Protein backbone atom coordinates (compact mmCIF):
# COMPACT_ATOMS: atom_id res chain seq x y z
CA MET A 1 11.74 16.81 20.01
CA SER A 2 8.35 15.38 20.96
CA ILE A 3 5.74 14.62 18.33
CA ASN A 4 2.07 14.65 19.24
CA PHE A 5 -0.07 12.52 16.95
CA SER A 6 -3.32 14.40 16.48
CA ALA A 7 -4.97 11.72 14.30
CA PRO A 8 -4.66 7.93 14.60
CA TYR A 9 -3.47 7.22 11.08
CA LEU A 10 -2.02 10.53 9.93
CA VAL A 11 1.43 11.97 10.44
CA THR A 12 1.64 15.11 12.53
CA GLU A 13 1.82 18.56 11.04
CA MET A 14 5.47 18.78 12.06
CA GLU A 15 6.33 15.44 10.46
CA GLU A 16 4.39 16.34 7.31
CA LYS A 17 6.49 19.49 6.87
CA VAL A 18 9.66 17.41 7.00
CA VAL A 19 8.35 14.80 4.58
CA THR A 20 6.74 17.11 2.06
CA SER A 21 9.22 19.98 2.03
CA LEU A 22 10.32 21.11 -1.42
CA PRO A 23 13.22 23.35 -2.46
CA SER A 24 12.34 27.00 -2.00
CA GLY A 25 10.78 28.62 -5.04
CA ASP A 26 9.67 25.28 -6.51
CA THR A 27 6.29 26.17 -8.00
CA ALA A 28 4.42 24.82 -10.98
CA SER A 29 5.07 27.10 -13.96
CA GLY A 30 4.25 30.24 -11.99
CA SER A 31 0.56 29.35 -11.97
CA GLY A 32 0.25 29.13 -8.19
CA GLU A 33 -0.61 25.45 -8.53
CA SER A 34 1.54 24.43 -5.57
CA THR A 35 -0.49 26.52 -3.13
CA ALA A 36 -3.77 25.19 -4.55
CA SER A 37 -2.68 21.55 -4.29
CA PRO A 38 -3.87 19.63 -1.21
CA PRO A 39 -1.17 18.82 1.34
CA ILE A 40 0.55 15.45 1.13
CA VAL A 41 -0.18 13.39 4.25
CA ILE A 42 1.53 10.04 4.84
CA SER A 43 -0.11 7.56 7.22
CA ALA A 44 1.80 6.90 10.44
CA ALA A 45 0.31 3.39 10.68
CA VAL A 46 2.95 1.85 8.37
CA PRO A 47 6.62 1.83 9.48
CA TYR A 48 8.05 3.61 6.45
CA THR A 49 11.63 4.86 6.62
CA GLU A 50 12.33 8.56 6.08
CA GLU A 51 13.73 7.76 2.62
CA GLU A 52 10.57 5.84 1.69
CA LYS A 53 8.32 8.64 2.91
CA LYS A 54 10.37 11.18 0.98
CA LEU A 55 10.15 9.17 -2.24
CA LEU A 56 6.42 8.55 -1.78
CA THR A 57 5.86 12.26 -1.26
CA GLU A 58 7.83 13.09 -4.40
CA GLN A 59 5.72 10.63 -6.40
CA LEU A 60 2.46 12.11 -5.11
CA ARG A 61 3.66 15.67 -5.76
CA ARG A 62 4.67 14.73 -9.29
CA HIS A 63 1.21 13.38 -10.04
CA GLN A 64 -0.44 16.37 -8.38
CA ARG A 65 1.30 18.67 -10.82
CA GLN A 66 0.21 16.39 -13.67
CA GLN A 67 3.67 16.20 -15.11
CA SER A 68 3.70 14.04 -18.18
CA GLN A 69 7.29 12.85 -18.08
CA GLY A 70 8.07 9.67 -16.16
CA ASP A 71 11.31 8.53 -14.55
CA ASP A 72 14.04 7.34 -16.89
CA ASP A 73 14.94 3.65 -16.78
CA SER A 74 17.98 4.03 -14.52
CA SER A 75 16.10 6.10 -11.93
CA TRP A 76 13.15 3.70 -11.98
CA ASN A 77 15.20 0.51 -11.62
CA GLU A 78 17.83 1.80 -9.20
CA THR A 79 15.77 4.00 -6.88
CA THR A 80 12.04 4.25 -7.43
CA LEU A 81 11.05 0.61 -7.89
CA PRO A 82 13.04 -0.71 -4.88
CA PHE A 83 11.45 1.89 -2.58
CA ILE A 84 7.96 1.31 -3.99
CA SER A 85 8.42 -2.46 -3.57
CA SER A 86 9.60 -2.01 0.02
CA MET A 87 6.56 0.11 0.88
CA VAL A 88 4.14 -2.28 -0.83
CA GLU A 89 5.68 -5.18 1.12
CA LYS A 90 5.09 -3.35 4.42
CA VAL A 91 1.48 -2.53 3.55
CA LEU A 92 0.81 -6.12 2.44
CA GLN A 93 2.26 -7.36 5.73
CA LEU A 94 -0.16 -5.02 7.50
CA ALA A 95 -2.99 -6.51 5.44
CA ALA A 96 -1.88 -10.07 6.28
CA GLN A 97 -1.78 -9.31 10.01
CA ASN A 98 -5.36 -8.09 9.87
CA ARG A 99 -6.42 -11.05 7.71
CA GLU A 100 -5.01 -13.43 10.33
CA SER A 101 -6.94 -11.76 13.14
CA ASP A 102 -10.14 -11.97 11.05
CA SER A 103 -9.54 -15.67 10.40
CA THR A 104 -8.96 -16.58 14.04
CA LYS A 105 -12.24 -14.86 14.91
CA ASP A 106 -14.18 -17.05 12.48
CA SER A 107 -12.69 -20.33 13.72
CA GLY A 108 -14.29 -20.38 17.16
CA SER A 109 -17.99 -20.98 16.49
CA GLY A 110 -19.67 -23.96 18.15
CA ASP A 111 -22.97 -25.14 19.63
CA GLU A 112 -23.03 -26.04 23.30
CA ASN A 113 -25.89 -28.48 22.58
CA LYS A 114 -23.81 -30.56 20.13
CA PRO A 115 -22.00 -33.70 21.27
CA GLN A 116 -18.43 -32.95 22.37
CA GLU A 117 -16.81 -35.12 19.69
CA LYS A 118 -18.68 -33.42 16.87
CA ALA A 119 -17.87 -29.99 18.28
CA ASN A 120 -14.16 -30.86 18.46
CA ALA A 121 -14.19 -32.18 14.89
CA THR A 122 -15.91 -29.03 13.67
CA ASP A 123 -13.34 -26.87 15.46
CA ASP A 124 -10.47 -28.84 13.92
CA VAL A 125 -11.88 -28.37 10.41
CA ALA A 126 -12.46 -24.66 11.04
CA ASP A 127 -8.90 -24.21 12.36
CA ALA A 128 -7.41 -26.01 9.35
CA ASP A 129 -9.53 -23.93 7.00
CA ALA A 130 -8.43 -20.71 8.70
CA VAL A 131 -4.74 -21.68 8.42
CA SER A 132 -5.25 -22.56 4.76
CA LYS A 133 -6.84 -19.18 4.04
CA VAL A 134 -4.01 -17.32 5.77
CA ASP A 135 -1.40 -19.29 3.80
CA THR A 136 -3.22 -18.46 0.57
CA PHE A 137 -3.35 -14.79 1.54
CA VAL A 138 0.42 -14.73 2.17
CA GLU A 139 1.07 -16.51 -1.14
CA ASP A 140 -1.03 -13.89 -2.93
CA ASN A 141 1.04 -11.16 -1.26
CA ASP A 142 4.24 -12.81 -2.49
CA TYR A 143 2.84 -13.06 -6.02
CA VAL A 144 1.85 -9.37 -6.11
CA LEU A 145 5.33 -8.38 -4.90
CA GLU A 146 6.99 -10.62 -7.47
CA GLN A 147 4.99 -9.05 -10.30
CA LEU A 148 5.68 -5.53 -9.03
CA ARG A 149 9.44 -6.13 -9.00
CA LEU A 150 9.26 -7.20 -12.66
CA GLN A 151 7.84 -3.84 -13.78
CA PRO A 152 10.52 -2.40 -16.10
CA TRP A 153 9.18 1.16 -16.08
CA PRO A 154 6.50 3.31 -14.34
CA PHE A 155 3.02 1.87 -14.88
CA PHE A 156 -0.18 3.82 -15.37
CA THR A 157 -1.74 2.82 -12.03
CA LEU A 158 1.28 4.08 -10.06
CA PRO A 159 -0.51 7.28 -8.93
CA ARG A 160 -3.32 5.22 -7.40
CA LEU A 161 -0.83 2.83 -5.78
CA CYS A 162 0.99 5.77 -4.19
CA GLU A 163 -2.30 7.07 -2.79
CA ILE A 164 -2.96 3.67 -1.18
CA LEU A 165 0.56 3.57 0.26
CA ALA A 166 0.12 7.06 1.70
CA ASP A 167 -2.96 5.96 3.68
CA PRO A 168 -3.82 2.24 3.56
CA TYR A 169 -6.75 2.80 5.93
CA LYS A 170 -8.59 5.16 3.60
CA TYR A 171 -11.43 3.27 1.87
CA ASN A 172 -10.07 -0.02 3.31
CA SER A 173 -11.30 0.03 6.89
CA ILE A 174 -14.39 0.03 9.05
CA GLY A 175 -13.83 2.47 11.88
CA ASP A 176 -10.36 1.73 13.23
CA LYS A 177 -10.38 -1.82 11.84
CA LEU A 178 -8.37 -2.39 8.68
CA ARG A 179 -9.91 -4.80 6.17
CA GLY A 180 -6.95 -6.88 5.05
CA GLU A 181 -8.64 -8.54 2.09
CA LYS A 182 -9.90 -5.24 0.68
CA LEU A 183 -6.47 -3.62 1.04
CA GLN A 184 -4.75 -6.54 -0.65
CA SER A 185 -7.30 -6.45 -3.47
CA ALA A 186 -6.73 -2.71 -4.04
CA ILE A 187 -2.95 -3.16 -4.28
CA ARG A 188 -3.33 -6.27 -6.42
CA ARG A 189 -5.44 -4.37 -8.96
CA CYS A 190 -2.89 -1.55 -9.18
CA VAL A 191 -0.01 -3.94 -9.81
CA LEU A 192 -1.59 -6.65 -11.98
CA VAL A 193 -4.00 -4.57 -14.07
CA SER A 194 -1.34 -2.03 -15.01
CA ALA A 195 0.20 -1.56 -18.44
CA PRO A 196 3.56 0.07 -19.33
CA LEU A 197 3.68 3.77 -20.12
CA ASN A 198 6.10 3.17 -23.00
CA CYS A 199 4.44 0.07 -24.45
CA ASP A 200 4.93 1.24 -28.04
CA VAL A 201 8.70 1.37 -27.53
CA ARG A 202 8.93 -1.91 -25.58
CA ASN A 203 6.58 -4.15 -27.53
CA ASN A 204 9.36 -5.90 -29.46
CA SER A 205 11.13 -7.03 -26.28
CA SER A 206 8.59 -9.75 -25.37
């Protein structure tokens, strides 16, 4: 079975049908909402597993229907959070790879008119600075992942996070070039700025 990718960062129509298929007759309260909802499209640029794509699609469909109930604790901790964390880790790795390529570009500026020793010293400082920035970027990724894995229940920015996971390039790229810092910042906001859905029930556990 051959799959022809018609867009650079979108799954094919055939793949989308597999990922987004729902049980027959599954409509939203007979209102025809399922036909009016936009199709769920998962970016092919991130190496998600079929299970991750399926869970991501389910999350996006749930928010499309504006269902108010969230996952119960067991479902969140045993299934949803591990898959969400795995997908976020892959997208953050994608961001780090693009951050590294940006950094190496910036480290090679020099003046041919300068003395050779000064040019070499400048290059050494620039290289060290680039490595330091990349290390900081990776540390930030680790921190975001650590905080995400501590979430005890679905958080209110989860719908936005799922949208970013579905297509990291949307709003975070220039042409075909992914902007690693912007992508990391978008995910960071979703994870760190979030508050629990059931904060009134959980307040006494701090």
